[in-house]
Amino acid sequence: MEEAPAPPRQRRSLGLLSILALLVLAAAVAGYATTKVPARWAGVISTNTRAEVSAVATVPSPPARAPLAVASSPDVPATGTTASVAPANAPDPNTRLREEDRAPKFDVRAANAVPAARETGSQTPVQGVTDTEIRFGMAAPFSGPAREMGHQLKLGIDLAFAQANDEGGVHGRQLKLFTADDAYEPTRTLNAMKELYEQNKVFGFVENYGSPTALISVPYALERHTLYFGAFTGAPSLRRDPPDRYVFNYRAGYAEEADAIVHYLVKTRRLRPQDIGVLTQQDAYGDAGWDGVTKAMRTLRGGVSGDVFRMSYNRNTVNVDDAIAQLRRQRPAIKAVVLVATFRAAAKFVEKTRDIYPDMIYATISGVGSTGLASELMVLGPKYADGIICTQVTPAVDSYASVALNYKKALAKYFPGEPADYTSLEAYLTASILVEGLRRVGPAVDTEALVNVLESMQNYELGLGPKVSFGPSDHQALHKVWGTQLDKSGQYHAIDLE
């Protein structure tokens, strides 16, 4: 019987060679992927296990493509990750990827950072921050009826920045302010924000103006994890509970100011709640003041809001004729009006009603622009200014508070000829708190580090009386409301609201 031949050894060798060849091929493809796959996914490959690398390596690699340009169309807002970052290569839409590889991998702290710096381990560049400067932006009215407010806000920030820069800057960096004009029109605010963030490459926003415009600018800043500091508005949309992480306020809210006015009129001036009416601008500013008045009325009436007489006018106009017609029809007649208006409209309302109601009490909140209001009324005559009440979110400009004296001294040094003004004083205080926060962060500035430092700022002495404090659950520096009243010479004097 013939013995069966042994199986050929050639097959076993072929099997081993095939396995070795596959291993070499897998290693080669993995190496290619590490160098050629776009940065968005390459970091994922480098941190996965060998088994995961093998799984990715079996995916066909896309051909190399030219780098993508960052979109800068005015109609499409850039996100925080793309405004200053261009990906190395675009992923092939035909390439199959795992779900975890499809999601972008980035640290919130480095949202605006250049990828190459992160990969090499060097210090992460931050938009608006260089070795020599830190850039901030402000969207405000520099044209239209509210342009004086934009001028005063810019003046106050420039004043605080000039002081800091003369002292060597913040850790050797000079502070610079860039402005964009939205004319206090929400339809122009988005373009103003894009100009500042995408063209001027600002690090954050400081002292933006207005409540209706904030409904556009705040979401824009939040989507980009960008600081939105000390806006000139007391609207509740900037005072959420819990607060938005990147939004910080200096001033008391309009609800707090309106509450202080109503309580003063009832407790000190002995009016009944039904004796008080409200003139409001037809937008978020007017609504915020109206809500404050009605809440105060509800408190005084034991939880029952009751009827509150309301008049209104259109933003960026001085046409208050319809409001005055409502006032003349009101029965019984009211004895006081809370003006939630800008200074020109408020002055026009006083002008047209003062002779009809000579005993009327007029009270405004700080959003009116108190210096502008005084100037407008004095042009009309002393009787129009006399007795007008205005709440403030700063000490009286003509007071001997140390912060008011320091402000006026700096104003005379850097901007001689500019008069002291409540609006520029507020902006000066806001920017001074921001500068202190930047100093506490240290040389390595980024948004997250600054937010953490601000949230830990407690009992900072600025010379205001109450001390400045923030916390994770409270992003408003002060809750204090000061009272002032105009005399016949157009000067404000402090009054006790309590």
Protein backbone atom coordinates (compact mmCIF):
# COMPACT_ATOMS: atom_id res chain seq x y z
CA MET A 1 0.00 0.00 0.00
CA GLU A 2 1.47 3.29 -1.06
CA GLU A 3 1.97 5.88 1.66
CA ALA A 4 0.15 9.18 1.12
CA PRO A 5 2.52 12.10 0.48
CA ALA A 6 2.84 14.76 3.17
CA PRO A 7 0.91 18.00 2.55
CA PRO A 8 2.98 20.58 0.72
CA ARG A 9 4.81 23.00 3.05
CA GLN A 10 4.29 25.76 0.54
CA ARG A 11 0.73 26.47 1.71
CA ARG A 12 1.74 27.08 5.33
CA SER A 13 4.46 29.47 4.22
CA LEU A 14 2.02 31.30 2.05
CA GLY A 15 -0.37 31.75 4.99
CA LEU A 16 2.35 33.21 7.21
CA LEU A 17 3.50 35.52 4.45
CA SER A 18 -0.06 36.74 3.95
CA ILE A 19 -0.47 37.56 7.64
CA LEU A 20 2.88 39.39 7.71
CA ALA A 21 1.95 41.31 4.59
CA LEU A 22 -1.37 42.38 6.10
CA LEU A 23 0.34 43.56 9.29
CA VAL A 24 2.88 45.59 7.28
CA LEU A 25 0.08 47.06 5.18
CA ALA A 26 -1.95 47.98 8.28
CA ALA A 27 1.04 49.69 9.84
CA ALA A 28 1.76 51.61 6.66
CA VAL A 29 -1.85 52.77 6.30
CA ALA A 30 -1.95 53.78 9.99
CA GLY A 31 1.19 55.87 9.53
CA TYR A 32 -0.25 57.48 6.44
CA ALA A 33 -3.46 58.28 8.29
CA THR A 34 -1.59 59.97 11.10
CA THR A 35 0.09 62.37 8.70
CA LYS A 36 -2.62 62.83 6.07
CA VAL A 37 -5.95 62.66 7.88
CA PRO A 38 -7.25 66.16 8.70
CA ALA A 39 -6.29 67.60 12.07
CA ARG A 40 -9.90 67.31 13.22
CA TRP A 41 -9.59 63.53 13.34
CA ALA A 42 -5.81 62.96 13.55
CA GLY A 43 -5.81 63.74 17.27
CA VAL A 44 -8.40 61.01 17.80
CA ILE A 45 -6.27 58.45 15.95
CA SER A 46 -3.17 59.21 18.01
CA THR A 47 -4.97 58.60 21.31
CA ASN A 48 -6.92 55.43 20.53
CA THR A 49 -5.87 51.88 21.30
CA ARG A 50 -4.09 49.68 18.73
CA ALA A 51 -7.31 47.87 17.97
CA GLU A 52 -9.06 51.17 17.22
CA VAL A 53 -6.14 52.30 15.06
CA SER A 54 -6.43 49.11 13.04
CA ALA A 55 -10.13 49.71 12.56
CA VAL A 56 -9.52 53.25 11.31
CA ALA A 57 -6.57 52.16 9.20
CA THR A 58 -8.76 49.89 7.12
CA VAL A 59 -10.75 52.93 5.97
CA PRO A 60 -9.49 54.17 2.58
CA SER A 61 -7.67 57.46 3.03
CA PRO A 62 -8.92 60.45 1.02
CA PRO A 63 -6.62 62.13 -1.46
CA ALA A 64 -4.84 65.27 -0.24
CA ARG A 65 -6.74 68.47 -0.87
CA ALA A 66 -5.95 72.15 -0.71
CA PRO A 67 -6.68 73.81 2.65
CA LEU A 68 -10.14 75.24 3.08
CA ALA A 69 -10.50 79.02 3.43
CA VAL A 70 -12.45 80.36 6.38
CA ALA A 71 -15.82 81.73 5.31
CA SER A 72 -16.23 85.43 5.93
CA SER A 73 -19.56 86.06 4.26
CA PRO A 74 -21.49 88.80 6.02
CA ASP A 75 -24.63 86.68 5.76
CA VAL A 76 -23.22 83.65 7.60
CA PRO A 77 -21.84 84.24 11.10
CA ALA A 78 -18.60 82.44 11.85
CA THR A 79 -18.50 80.13 14.87
CA GLY A 80 -15.98 80.37 17.66
CA THR A 81 -14.02 77.44 16.25
CA THR A 82 -13.85 78.61 12.65
CA ALA A 83 -13.42 82.36 12.96
CA SER A 84 -9.65 82.01 13.18
CA VAL A 85 -9.02 78.34 12.32
CA ALA A 86 -8.72 76.83 8.84
CA PRO A 87 -8.77 72.97 8.83
CA ALA A 88 -5.76 71.36 7.14
CA ASN A 89 -7.78 69.07 4.83
CA ALA A 90 -11.46 68.49 4.19
CA PRO A 91 -12.80 64.97 4.99
CA ASP A 92 -13.99 62.93 2.00
CA PRO A 93 -17.78 62.60 2.22
CA ASN A 94 -17.49 59.02 0.88
CA THR A 95 -15.18 57.91 3.68
CA ARG A 96 -16.94 55.89 6.38
CA LEU A 97 -16.11 57.05 9.87
CA ARG A 98 -17.20 56.00 13.32
CA GLU A 99 -19.68 58.31 15.04
CA GLU A 100 -17.16 59.29 17.70
CA ASP A 101 -14.76 60.39 14.93
CA ARG A 102 -17.38 62.60 13.31
CA ALA A 103 -17.74 64.89 16.33
CA PRO A 104 -15.16 67.69 16.57
CA LYS A 105 -12.71 67.21 19.42
CA PHE A 106 -11.66 70.47 21.08
CA ASP A 107 -11.19 72.03 24.48
CA VAL A 108 -13.56 74.93 25.25
CA ARG A 109 -10.56 76.92 26.47
CA ALA A 110 -8.98 76.62 23.02
CA ALA A 111 -12.08 77.32 20.98
CA ASN A 112 -10.34 80.09 19.02
CA ALA A 113 -6.90 78.54 19.00
CA VAL A 114 -4.77 77.65 15.99
CA PRO A 115 -4.66 73.80 15.70
CA ALA A 116 -0.93 73.67 14.92
CA ALA A 117 -0.14 75.30 18.26
CA ARG A 118 -2.21 72.70 20.13
CA GLU A 119 -0.57 69.80 18.31
CA THR A 120 2.96 70.99 18.96
CA GLY A 121 2.25 71.71 22.64
CA SER A 122 3.17 75.39 22.35
CA GLN A 123 1.16 78.11 24.09
CA THR A 124 -2.29 78.39 22.54
CA PRO A 125 -2.91 81.64 20.67
CA VAL A 126 -6.14 83.35 21.73
CA GLN A 127 -8.05 85.68 19.43
CA GLY A 128 -7.49 89.31 20.31
CA VAL A 129 -4.52 88.59 22.57
CA THR A 130 -0.90 89.07 21.47
CA ASP A 131 2.34 89.66 23.32
CA THR A 132 1.70 93.40 23.15
CA GLU A 133 -2.08 93.98 23.25
CA ILE A 134 -5.57 92.80 24.19
CA ARG A 135 -8.44 93.90 21.94
CA PHE A 136 -11.99 94.59 23.06
CA GLY A 137 -15.02 95.61 21.01
CA MET A 138 -18.13 97.69 21.65
CA ALA A 139 -21.28 97.84 19.52
CA ALA A 140 -23.09 101.09 20.30
CA PRO A 141 -24.85 104.03 18.62
CA PHE A 142 -22.45 106.50 17.03
CA SER A 143 -25.11 107.86 14.71
CA GLY A 144 -28.82 108.54 15.16
CA PRO A 145 -30.67 110.06 18.13
CA ALA A 146 -28.74 108.02 20.75
CA ARG A 147 -25.25 108.81 19.41
CA GLU A 148 -24.32 110.85 22.48
CA MET A 149 -24.69 107.69 24.57
CA GLY A 150 -22.19 105.89 22.35
CA HIS A 151 -19.77 108.79 22.67
CA GLN A 152 -19.98 108.79 26.48
CA LEU A 153 -19.59 105.02 26.76
CA LYS A 154 -16.50 105.04 24.55
CA LEU A 155 -15.08 107.95 26.53
CA GLY A 156 -15.40 106.08 29.83
CA ILE A 157 -13.72 102.93 28.52
CA ASP A 158 -10.94 104.89 26.81
CA LEU A 159 -10.35 106.67 30.10
CA ALA A 160 -9.90 103.47 32.12
CA PHE A 161 -7.79 101.85 29.39
CA ALA A 162 -5.57 104.95 29.14
CA GLN A 163 -4.90 104.81 32.87
CA ALA A 164 -4.02 101.13 32.74
CA ASN A 165 -1.82 101.53 29.66
CA ASP A 166 0.11 104.40 31.24
CA GLU A 167 0.90 102.09 34.15
CA GLY A 168 2.47 99.57 31.78
CA GLY A 169 -0.68 97.86 30.59
CA VAL A 170 -1.86 94.52 31.91
CA HIS A 171 1.15 92.23 32.25
CA GLY A 172 2.87 94.25 29.56
CA ARG A 173 -0.08 94.27 27.15
CA GLN A 174 -1.80 97.48 26.04
CA LEU A 175 -5.61 97.53 26.06
CA LYS A 176 -7.33 98.63 22.86
CA LEU A 177 -10.98 99.38 22.15
CA PHE A 178 -12.60 98.92 18.74
CA THR A 179 -16.10 100.28 18.13
CA ALA A 180 -18.85 99.56 15.61
CA ASP A 181 -21.96 101.67 15.02
CA ASP A 182 -25.37 100.00 15.14
CA ALA A 183 -27.28 103.31 15.63
CA TYR A 184 -29.33 101.60 18.39
CA GLU A 185 -31.13 99.58 15.72
CA PRO A 186 -31.25 95.79 16.26
CA THR A 187 -31.31 95.26 12.49
CA ARG A 188 -27.75 96.65 12.36
CA THR A 189 -26.39 94.97 15.48
CA LEU A 190 -25.41 91.64 13.93
CA ASN A 191 -23.23 93.31 11.30
CA ALA A 192 -21.62 95.46 14.00
CA MET A 193 -20.81 92.34 16.03
CA LYS A 194 -19.37 90.58 12.99
CA GLU A 195 -17.22 93.59 12.19
CA LEU A 196 -15.74 93.54 15.68
CA TYR A 197 -15.29 89.79 16.06
CA GLU A 198 -14.46 88.65 12.53
CA GLN A 199 -12.61 91.68 11.16
CA ASN A 200 -11.12 93.40 14.21
CA LYS A 201 -10.54 90.01 15.92
CA VAL A 202 -11.49 91.24 19.38
CA PHE A 203 -11.00 89.10 22.49
CA GLY A 204 -14.32 90.12 24.05
CA PHE A 205 -17.06 92.75 24.18
CA VAL A 206 -17.39 95.51 26.75
CA GLU A 207 -20.17 98.04 27.42
CA ASN A 208 -22.41 97.25 24.43
CA TYR A 209 -25.40 99.61 24.43
CA GLY A 210 -29.09 98.81 24.62
CA SER A 211 -31.70 96.23 25.59
CA PRO A 212 -33.27 95.51 22.15
CA THR A 213 -29.81 95.29 20.56
CA ALA A 214 -28.68 92.89 23.30
CA LEU A 215 -31.24 90.37 22.06
CA ILE A 216 -29.02 90.09 18.97
CA SER A 217 -25.54 90.63 20.37
CA VAL A 218 -25.69 88.38 23.45
CA PRO A 219 -26.53 85.16 21.53
CA TYR A 220 -23.77 86.00 19.03
CA ALA A 221 -21.22 86.26 21.85
CA LEU A 222 -22.48 83.17 23.67
CA GLU A 223 -22.27 80.99 20.56
CA ARG A 224 -18.58 81.87 20.34
CA HIS A 225 -17.88 81.49 24.09
CA THR A 226 -16.80 85.12 24.09
CA LEU A 227 -16.86 87.50 27.06
CA TYR A 228 -19.78 89.99 27.09
CA PHE A 229 -18.95 92.37 29.90
CA GLY A 230 -20.79 95.27 31.51
CA ALA A 231 -23.37 96.16 28.85
CA PHE A 232 -25.26 99.43 29.28
CA THR A 233 -28.63 97.82 29.96
CA GLY A 234 -30.57 96.61 32.96
CA ALA A 235 -32.68 94.19 30.94
CA PRO A 236 -33.52 90.78 32.46
CA SER A 237 -32.32 89.01 29.29
CA LEU A 238 -28.76 89.59 30.57
CA ARG A 239 -29.60 88.48 34.10
CA ARG A 240 -30.70 84.88 33.81
CA ASP A 241 -30.89 82.47 36.73
CA PRO A 242 -28.44 80.79 36.67
CA PRO A 243 -26.44 83.40 34.75
CA ASP A 244 -25.03 82.82 31.28
CA ARG A 245 -21.36 81.93 31.79
CA TYR A 246 -19.88 84.64 29.56
CA VAL A 247 -22.24 87.52 30.45
CA PHE A 248 -21.27 89.83 33.33
CA ASN A 249 -23.04 93.01 34.41
CA TYR A 250 -21.82 96.02 36.35
CA ARG A 251 -25.11 97.82 36.97
CA ALA A 252 -28.31 97.19 38.87
CA GLY A 253 -31.13 95.88 36.70
CA TYR A 254 -33.99 98.05 35.46
CA ALA A 255 -36.35 96.06 37.68
CA GLU A 256 -34.28 97.10 40.72
CA GLU A 257 -34.30 100.76 39.63
CA ALA A 258 -38.04 100.74 38.93
CA ASP A 259 -38.69 99.09 42.28
CA ALA A 260 -36.65 101.79 44.04
CA ILE A 261 -38.59 104.58 42.27
CA VAL A 262 -42.03 103.13 43.01
CA HIS A 263 -41.22 102.53 46.65
CA TYR A 264 -39.85 106.08 46.94
CA LEU A 265 -42.98 107.58 45.40
CA VAL A 266 -45.27 105.56 47.69
CA LYS A 267 -43.29 105.54 50.93
CA THR A 268 -41.65 108.98 50.82
CA ARG A 269 -43.87 111.06 48.51
CA ARG A 270 -47.05 109.46 49.89
CA LEU A 271 -48.65 108.55 46.57
CA ARG A 272 -50.99 105.61 46.07
CA PRO A 273 -49.93 102.94 43.55
CA GLN A 274 -52.86 103.91 41.30
CA ASP A 275 -51.53 107.48 41.17
CA ILE A 276 -48.46 106.31 39.21
CA GLY A 277 -48.30 105.85 35.43
CA VAL A 278 -45.51 104.69 33.12
CA LEU A 279 -44.18 105.98 29.79
CA THR A 280 -42.25 103.23 28.00
CA GLN A 281 -40.26 102.90 24.80
CA GLN A 282 -41.78 100.22 22.55
CA ASP A 283 -39.03 97.61 22.78
CA ALA A 284 -37.15 95.40 25.24
CA TYR A 285 -35.92 98.44 27.17
CA GLY A 286 -39.45 99.70 27.78
CA ASP A 287 -40.71 96.21 28.60
CA ALA A 288 -37.95 95.70 31.18
CA GLY A 289 -38.84 98.95 32.96
CA TRP A 290 -42.55 98.15 32.77
CA ASP A 291 -41.99 94.73 34.34
CA GLY A 292 -40.05 96.37 37.18
CA VAL A 293 -42.85 98.83 37.89
CA THR A 294 -45.59 96.19 37.86
CA LYS A 295 -43.60 93.89 40.17
CA ALA A 296 -43.09 96.75 42.62
CA MET A 297 -46.81 97.56 42.46
CA ARG A 298 -47.67 93.93 43.12
CA THR A 299 -45.47 93.93 46.21
CA LEU A 300 -47.04 97.12 47.54
CA ARG A 301 -50.53 95.76 46.91
CA GLY A 302 -49.92 92.53 48.78
CA GLY A 303 -49.38 90.33 45.75
CA VAL A 304 -52.13 91.82 43.57
CA SER A 305 -50.78 93.71 40.55
CA GLY A 306 -53.94 95.67 39.73
CA ASP A 307 -54.16 98.10 36.81
CA VAL A 308 -51.15 100.27 35.97
CA PHE A 309 -51.58 103.08 33.45
CA ARG A 310 -49.14 102.65 30.56
CA MET A 311 -48.24 104.96 27.65
CA SER A 312 -45.66 104.27 24.94
CA TYR A 313 -43.74 105.70 21.98
CA ASN A 314 -41.54 104.32 19.18
CA ARG A 315 -37.79 103.81 19.68
CA ASN A 316 -35.42 106.35 18.08
CA THR A 317 -38.18 108.95 17.84
CA VAL A 318 -39.43 111.81 20.02
CA ASN A 319 -43.02 111.41 18.89
CA VAL A 320 -44.89 111.20 22.20
CA ASP A 321 -48.15 112.75 21.01
CA ASP A 322 -50.16 109.52 21.26
CA ALA A 323 -48.90 108.98 24.78
CA ILE A 324 -49.92 112.50 25.79
CA ALA A 325 -53.37 111.98 24.26
CA GLN A 326 -53.73 108.85 26.42
CA LEU A 327 -52.63 110.82 29.47
CA ARG A 328 -55.25 113.51 28.90
CA ARG A 329 -58.01 110.89 28.65
CA GLN A 330 -56.95 109.10 31.82
CA ARG A 331 -59.45 109.29 34.70
CA PRO A 332 -58.74 109.76 37.50
CA ALA A 333 -55.64 111.73 36.58
CA ILE A 334 -52.29 110.30 37.64
CA LYS A 335 -49.86 112.26 39.81
CA ALA A 336 -46.50 110.77 38.79
CA VAL A 337 -44.95 109.28 35.64
CA VAL A 338 -42.06 106.82 35.57
CA LEU A 339 -40.20 107.52 32.32
CA VAL A 340 -38.61 104.41 30.78
CA ALA A 341 -37.35 106.40 27.82
CA THR A 342 -34.23 107.87 26.23
CA PHE A 343 -33.37 111.45 27.12
CA ARG A 344 -34.74 113.25 24.05
CA ALA A 345 -38.11 111.50 24.18
CA ALA A 346 -38.30 112.00 27.96
CA ALA A 347 -37.52 115.71 27.58
CA LYS A 348 -40.16 116.07 24.87
CA PHE A 349 -42.75 114.42 27.10
CA VAL A 350 -41.92 116.76 30.00
CA GLU A 351 -42.01 119.78 27.67
CA LYS A 352 -45.50 118.96 26.38
CA THR A 353 -47.05 118.06 29.72
CA ARG A 354 -45.42 120.37 32.28
CA ASP A 355 -47.86 123.25 31.78
CA ILE A 356 -50.89 120.94 31.64
CA TYR A 357 -49.92 119.13 34.85
CA PRO A 358 -47.77 121.57 36.87
CA ASP A 359 -47.75 119.32 39.96
CA MET A 360 -46.78 116.15 38.09
CA ILE A 361 -43.80 114.22 39.49
CA TYR A 362 -41.45 112.91 36.80
CA ALA A 363 -39.06 110.08 37.65
CA THR A 364 -36.65 108.32 35.29
CA ILE A 365 -34.30 105.36 35.46
CA SER A 366 -30.59 105.57 34.57
CA GLY A 367 -31.11 104.19 31.06
CA VAL A 368 -32.48 107.60 30.11
CA GLY A 369 -29.00 109.12 30.00
CA SER A 370 -29.26 111.60 32.87
CA THR A 371 -26.70 114.15 31.67
CA GLY A 372 -28.32 114.34 28.25
CA LEU A 373 -31.72 114.72 29.89
CA ALA A 374 -30.53 117.62 32.05
CA SER A 375 -29.05 119.39 29.00
CA GLU A 376 -32.24 118.98 26.97
CA LEU A 377 -34.43 120.26 29.79
CA MET A 378 -32.25 123.29 30.51
CA VAL A 379 -32.54 124.35 26.88
CA LEU A 380 -36.31 124.46 27.47
CA GLY A 381 -35.98 126.43 30.67
CA PRO A 382 -35.35 125.99 34.42
CA LYS A 383 -38.96 125.05 35.25
CA TYR A 384 -38.72 121.96 33.06
CA ALA A 385 -35.64 120.64 34.84
CA ASP A 386 -36.61 121.48 38.40
CA GLY A 387 -37.59 118.45 40.47
CA ILE A 388 -36.95 115.69 37.89
CA ILE A 389 -35.92 112.49 39.71
CA CYS A 390 -33.40 110.09 38.20
CA THR A 391 -32.09 106.85 39.64
CA GLN A 392 -28.40 106.12 39.09
CA VAL A 393 -26.13 103.07 39.19
CA THR A 394 -23.11 105.14 40.27
CA PRO A 395 -22.53 107.66 43.05
CA ALA A 396 -23.33 111.26 42.17
CA VAL A 397 -20.83 112.70 39.70
CA ASP A 398 -20.43 115.82 41.81
CA SER A 399 -19.96 113.84 45.04
CA TYR A 400 -16.73 113.54 47.00
CA ALA A 401 -16.68 109.75 46.75
CA SER A 402 -13.11 108.67 46.04
CA VAL A 403 -14.11 106.92 42.82
CA ALA A 404 -15.86 110.06 41.54
CA LEU A 405 -12.81 112.19 42.38
CA ASN A 406 -10.44 109.73 40.67
CA TYR A 407 -12.69 109.66 37.60
CA LYS A 408 -12.77 113.45 37.29
CA LYS A 409 -9.01 113.70 37.82
CA ALA A 410 -8.37 111.18 35.04
CA LEU A 411 -10.92 112.92 32.80
CA ALA A 412 -9.06 116.22 33.17
CA LYS A 413 -5.75 114.53 32.38
CA TYR A 414 -6.67 112.42 29.34
CA PHE A 415 -9.71 114.22 27.90
CA PRO A 416 -9.55 117.86 29.01
CA GLY A 417 -12.66 119.77 28.09
CA GLU A 418 -14.99 116.76 28.39
CA PRO A 419 -17.53 117.33 31.18
CA ALA A 420 -18.16 114.72 33.86
CA ASP A 421 -21.11 112.52 32.91
CA TYR A 422 -22.99 109.67 34.58
CA THR A 423 -22.79 107.49 31.47
CA SER A 424 -19.03 107.86 31.00
CA LEU A 425 -18.55 107.35 34.76
CA GLU A 426 -20.46 104.06 34.53
CA ALA A 427 -18.34 102.94 31.57
CA TYR A 428 -15.18 103.95 33.44
CA LEU A 429 -16.19 101.84 36.45
CA THR A 430 -17.14 98.90 34.24
CA ALA A 431 -13.80 98.96 32.42
CA SER A 432 -11.91 99.37 35.70
CA ILE A 433 -13.43 96.14 37.03
CA LEU A 434 -12.53 94.39 33.79
CA VAL A 435 -8.93 95.60 34.05
CA GLU A 436 -8.72 94.26 37.60
CA GLY A 437 -9.99 90.88 36.41
CA LEU A 438 -7.37 90.76 33.66
CA ARG A 439 -4.62 91.59 36.15
CA ARG A 440 -5.72 88.75 38.41
CA VAL A 441 -5.66 86.22 35.56
CA GLY A 442 -1.94 86.68 34.98
CA PRO A 443 -0.01 86.62 31.69
CA ALA A 444 -1.78 83.51 30.29
CA VAL A 445 -5.06 85.16 29.27
CA ASP A 446 -7.98 83.25 27.83
CA THR A 447 -11.73 83.58 28.21
CA GLU A 448 -12.28 80.61 30.51
CA ALA A 449 -9.51 81.66 32.87
CA LEU A 450 -10.91 85.21 33.00
CA VAL A 451 -14.44 83.96 33.71
CA ASN A 452 -13.13 81.77 36.54
CA VAL A 453 -11.25 84.72 38.03
CA LEU A 454 -14.27 87.04 37.77
CA GLU A 455 -16.51 84.46 39.44
CA SER A 456 -14.08 84.34 42.36
CA MET A 457 -13.90 88.15 42.77
CA GLN A 458 -15.31 89.03 46.18
CA ASN A 459 -15.47 92.34 48.07
CA TYR A 460 -13.26 94.24 45.63
CA GLU A 461 -12.89 97.80 46.87
CA LEU A 462 -13.49 100.35 44.12
CA GLY A 463 -14.50 103.29 46.31
CA LEU A 464 -18.21 103.03 45.49
CA GLY A 465 -19.47 102.33 48.99
CA PRO A 466 -20.74 98.81 48.33
CA LYS A 467 -17.96 96.44 47.32
CA VAL A 468 -17.80 94.65 43.98
CA SER A 469 -18.51 90.93 44.04
CA PHE A 470 -19.28 88.23 41.51
CA GLY A 471 -19.98 84.55 41.95
CA PRO A 472 -20.92 81.49 39.88
CA SER A 473 -24.59 82.26 40.61
CA ASP A 474 -24.37 86.06 40.49
CA HIS A 475 -22.77 87.84 37.52
CA GLN A 476 -23.87 91.33 38.59
CA ALA A 477 -21.23 93.44 40.34
CA LEU A 478 -23.60 95.81 42.17
CA HIS A 479 -27.24 95.88 43.18
CA LYS A 480 -27.12 99.38 44.65
CA VAL A 481 -29.43 102.10 43.28
CA TRP A 482 -28.65 105.76 44.03
CA GLY A 483 -31.21 108.57 43.87
CA THR A 484 -30.66 112.04 42.35
CA GLN A 485 -32.87 115.04 41.62
CA LEU A 486 -32.44 118.00 39.27
CA ASP A 487 -32.69 121.59 40.44
CA LYS A 488 -33.47 124.73 38.42
CA SER A 489 -29.83 125.13 37.44
CA GLY A 490 -29.75 121.67 35.85
CA GLN A 491 -27.58 120.10 38.56
CA TYR A 492 -28.29 116.71 40.11
CA HIS A 493 -28.28 116.35 43.88
CA ALA A 494 -28.35 113.14 45.87
CA ILE A 495 -31.65 112.14 47.48
CA ASP A 496 -32.39 109.24 49.82
CA LEU A 497 -34.66 106.72 48.11
CA GLU A 498 -35.39 104.77 51.29
